[in-house]
Amino acid sequence: ISAEIDAFNQVNREETLMAGARYVDITDISRQASAKDGLLAADGLHPSGKMYAAWVERALPVTLEMLAH
């Protein structure tokens, strides 16, 4: 499924950039879920608060930069 996700992300990135928006890729963070404790919720499927925090840490600088312009 990784190849399909990568293909989807590439199209998503291209469409996002063509629309004049910024693209923030969080896939690498999500892929760490099986190797790093605490990135999944207790159900073992959904993101935990720790993973959401990592996504925000990645997206926040881009968001703040966009808001500054």
N, C-alpha and C. Protein backbone atom coordinates (compact mmCIF):
# COMPACT_ATOMS: atom_id res chain seq x y z
N ILE A 1 0.81 -1.20 0.00
CA ILE A 1 0.00 0.00 0.00
C ILE A 1 0.86 1.27 0.00
N SER A 2 2.10 1.15 0.42
CA SER A 2 2.99 2.33 0.45
C SER A 2 3.15 2.96 -0.93
N ALA A 3 3.28 2.14 -1.96
CA ALA A 3 3.44 2.68 -3.31
C ALA A 3 2.21 3.46 -3.74
N GLU A 4 1.03 2.95 -3.39
CA GLU A 4 -0.21 3.63 -3.73
C GLU A 4 -0.33 4.96 -2.98
N ILE A 5 0.05 4.94 -1.72
CA ILE A 5 0.02 6.18 -0.94
C ILE A 5 1.00 7.19 -1.51
N ASP A 6 2.19 6.74 -1.89
CA ASP A 6 3.18 7.64 -2.49
C ASP A 6 2.67 8.24 -3.79
N ALA A 7 2.01 7.42 -4.61
CA ALA A 7 1.45 7.91 -5.88
C ALA A 7 0.35 8.93 -5.62
N PHE A 8 -0.51 8.64 -4.66
CA PHE A 8 -1.56 9.57 -4.30
C PHE A 8 -0.96 10.88 -3.80
N ASN A 9 0.03 10.80 -2.93
CA ASN A 9 0.66 12.00 -2.39
C ASN A 9 1.30 12.84 -3.49
N GLN A 10 1.89 12.19 -4.48
CA GLN A 10 2.50 12.93 -5.58
C GLN A 10 1.46 13.73 -6.35
N VAL A 11 0.34 13.09 -6.67
CA VAL A 11 -0.74 13.80 -7.36
C VAL A 11 -1.29 14.91 -6.47
N ASN A 12 -1.48 14.60 -5.20
CA ASN A 12 -1.98 15.59 -4.25
C ASN A 12 -1.04 16.79 -4.18
N ARG A 13 0.26 16.52 -4.11
CA ARG A 13 1.26 17.60 -4.05
C ARG A 13 1.18 18.46 -5.31
N GLU A 14 1.13 17.83 -6.46
CA GLU A 14 1.07 18.58 -7.72
C GLU A 14 -0.18 19.44 -7.81
N GLU A 15 -1.32 18.87 -7.46
CA GLU A 15 -2.57 19.62 -7.50
C GLU A 15 -2.57 20.78 -6.50
N THR A 16 -2.02 20.53 -5.35
CA THR A 16 -1.94 21.57 -4.32
C THR A 16 -1.09 22.73 -4.80
N LEU A 17 0.07 22.43 -5.36
CA LEU A 17 0.96 23.48 -5.85
C LEU A 17 0.36 24.22 -7.03
N MET A 18 -0.32 23.51 -7.92
CA MET A 18 -0.97 24.16 -9.06
C MET A 18 -2.07 25.11 -8.59
N ALA A 19 -2.68 24.81 -7.46
CA ALA A 19 -3.73 25.67 -6.90
C ALA A 19 -3.13 26.86 -6.14
N GLY A 20 -1.81 26.90 -6.03
CA GLY A 20 -1.15 28.00 -5.35
C GLY A 20 -1.09 27.87 -3.84
N ALA A 21 -1.32 26.65 -3.36
CA ALA A 21 -1.28 26.41 -1.92
C ALA A 21 0.04 25.73 -1.56
N ARG A 22 0.27 25.58 -0.29
CA ARG A 22 1.47 24.89 0.20
C ARG A 22 1.11 23.46 0.58
N TYR A 23 2.01 22.56 0.35
CA TYR A 23 1.79 21.15 0.65
C TYR A 23 2.72 20.73 1.78
N VAL A 24 2.17 20.10 2.78
CA VAL A 24 2.97 19.61 3.91
C VAL A 24 2.79 18.10 3.96
N ASP A 25 3.85 17.38 3.72
CA ASP A 25 3.80 15.91 3.71
C ASP A 25 4.08 15.38 5.10
N ILE A 26 3.13 14.61 5.62
CA ILE A 26 3.27 14.02 6.95
C ILE A 26 3.37 12.51 6.89
N THR A 27 3.46 11.97 5.69
CA THR A 27 3.45 10.52 5.53
C THR A 27 4.60 9.85 6.27
N ASP A 28 5.77 10.44 6.22
CA ASP A 28 6.91 9.82 6.90
C ASP A 28 6.68 9.71 8.40
N ILE A 29 5.98 10.67 8.96
CA ILE A 29 5.66 10.61 10.39
C ILE A 29 4.69 9.46 10.64
N SER A 30 3.67 9.36 9.82
CA SER A 30 2.67 8.29 9.97
C SER A 30 3.30 6.92 9.84
N ARG A 31 4.28 6.80 8.96
CA ARG A 31 4.92 5.51 8.74
C ARG A 31 5.79 5.06 9.91
N GLN A 32 6.06 5.95 10.83
CA GLN A 32 6.84 5.60 12.01
C GLN A 32 5.99 4.93 13.09
N ALA A 33 4.68 4.89 12.89
CA ALA A 33 3.76 4.41 13.92
C ALA A 33 4.05 2.98 14.37
N SER A 34 4.47 2.14 13.45
CA SER A 34 4.72 0.75 13.83
C SER A 34 6.04 0.58 14.58
N ALA A 35 6.94 1.55 14.44
CA ALA A 35 8.26 1.43 15.05
C ALA A 35 8.42 2.26 16.33
N LYS A 36 7.59 3.27 16.49
CA LYS A 36 7.73 4.16 17.65
C LYS A 36 6.50 4.05 18.54
N ASP A 37 6.74 3.77 19.80
CA ASP A 37 5.65 3.67 20.76
C ASP A 37 4.94 5.01 20.92
N GLY A 38 3.64 4.92 21.10
CA GLY A 38 2.87 6.09 21.44
C GLY A 38 2.30 6.86 20.28
N LEU A 39 2.60 6.47 19.04
CA LEU A 39 2.07 7.22 17.91
C LEU A 39 0.67 6.78 17.52
N LEU A 40 0.23 5.63 18.04
CA LEU A 40 -1.12 5.17 17.77
C LEU A 40 -1.95 5.23 19.04
N ALA A 41 -3.25 5.46 18.86
CA ALA A 41 -4.19 5.46 19.99
C ALA A 41 -4.29 4.04 20.54
N ALA A 42 -4.97 3.90 21.63
CA ALA A 42 -5.11 2.60 22.29
C ALA A 42 -5.75 1.55 21.39
N ASP A 43 -6.53 1.97 20.40
CA ASP A 43 -7.17 0.99 19.51
C ASP A 43 -6.18 0.40 18.50
N GLY A 44 -4.95 0.93 18.46
CA GLY A 44 -3.93 0.42 17.56
C GLY A 44 -4.12 0.79 16.10
N LEU A 45 -5.09 1.64 15.82
CA LEU A 45 -5.39 2.00 14.44
C LEU A 45 -5.28 3.50 14.19
N HIS A 46 -5.85 4.28 15.06
CA HIS A 46 -5.94 5.72 14.85
C HIS A 46 -4.74 6.45 15.44
N PRO A 47 -4.45 7.65 14.90
CA PRO A 47 -3.35 8.44 15.44
C PRO A 47 -3.59 8.82 16.89
N SER A 48 -2.52 8.87 17.64
CA SER A 48 -2.59 9.32 19.03
C SER A 48 -2.36 10.83 19.07
N GLY A 49 -2.52 11.38 20.25
CA GLY A 49 -2.21 12.79 20.43
C GLY A 49 -0.76 13.09 20.09
N LYS A 50 0.12 12.14 20.38
CA LYS A 50 1.55 12.32 20.07
C LYS A 50 1.77 12.44 18.56
N MET A 51 1.04 11.63 17.78
CA MET A 51 1.20 11.73 16.33
C MET A 51 0.60 13.03 15.81
N TYR A 52 -0.57 13.39 16.33
CA TYR A 52 -1.15 14.67 15.92
C TYR A 52 -0.20 15.81 16.24
N ALA A 53 0.46 15.75 17.37
CA ALA A 53 1.41 16.79 17.74
C ALA A 53 2.58 16.84 16.76
N ALA A 54 3.04 15.68 16.31
CA ALA A 54 4.13 15.64 15.33
C ALA A 54 3.68 16.23 14.00
N TRP A 55 2.45 15.96 13.61
CA TRP A 55 1.91 16.55 12.37
C TRP A 55 1.85 18.07 12.49
N VAL A 56 1.37 18.55 13.63
CA VAL A 56 1.27 19.99 13.84
C VAL A 56 2.66 20.62 13.84
N GLU A 57 3.61 19.97 14.48
CA GLU A 57 4.99 20.48 14.49
C GLU A 57 5.52 20.64 13.07
N ARG A 58 5.15 19.74 12.18
CA ARG A 58 5.58 19.82 10.79
C ARG A 58 4.84 20.93 10.04
N ALA A 59 3.54 21.05 10.28
CA ALA A 59 2.71 21.97 9.51
C ALA A 59 2.75 23.41 10.04
N LEU A 60 2.97 23.58 11.32
CA LEU A 60 2.87 24.90 11.93
C LEU A 60 3.82 25.93 11.32
N PRO A 61 5.09 25.63 11.11
CA PRO A 61 5.97 26.65 10.51
C PRO A 61 5.50 27.10 9.12
N VAL A 62 5.01 26.18 8.34
CA VAL A 62 4.50 26.50 7.01
C VAL A 62 3.26 27.38 7.13
N THR A 63 2.39 27.03 8.05
CA THR A 63 1.17 27.80 8.27
C THR A 63 1.49 29.21 8.74
N LEU A 64 2.40 29.33 9.69
CA LEU A 64 2.77 30.66 10.19
C LEU A 64 3.41 31.50 9.10
N GLU A 65 4.22 30.88 8.27
CA GLU A 65 4.84 31.59 7.16
C GLU A 65 3.78 32.11 6.19
N MET A 66 2.80 31.27 5.90
CA MET A 66 1.72 31.69 4.99
C MET A 66 0.92 32.84 5.58
N LEU A 67 0.64 32.79 6.87
CA LEU A 67 -0.14 33.84 7.51
C LEU A 67 0.62 35.16 7.58
N ALA A 68 1.94 35.09 7.59
CA ALA A 68 2.76 36.29 7.68
C ALA A 68 2.79 37.09 6.36
N HIS A 69 2.40 36.43 5.28
CA HIS A 69 2.47 37.11 3.98
C HIS A 69 1.14 37.66 3.57
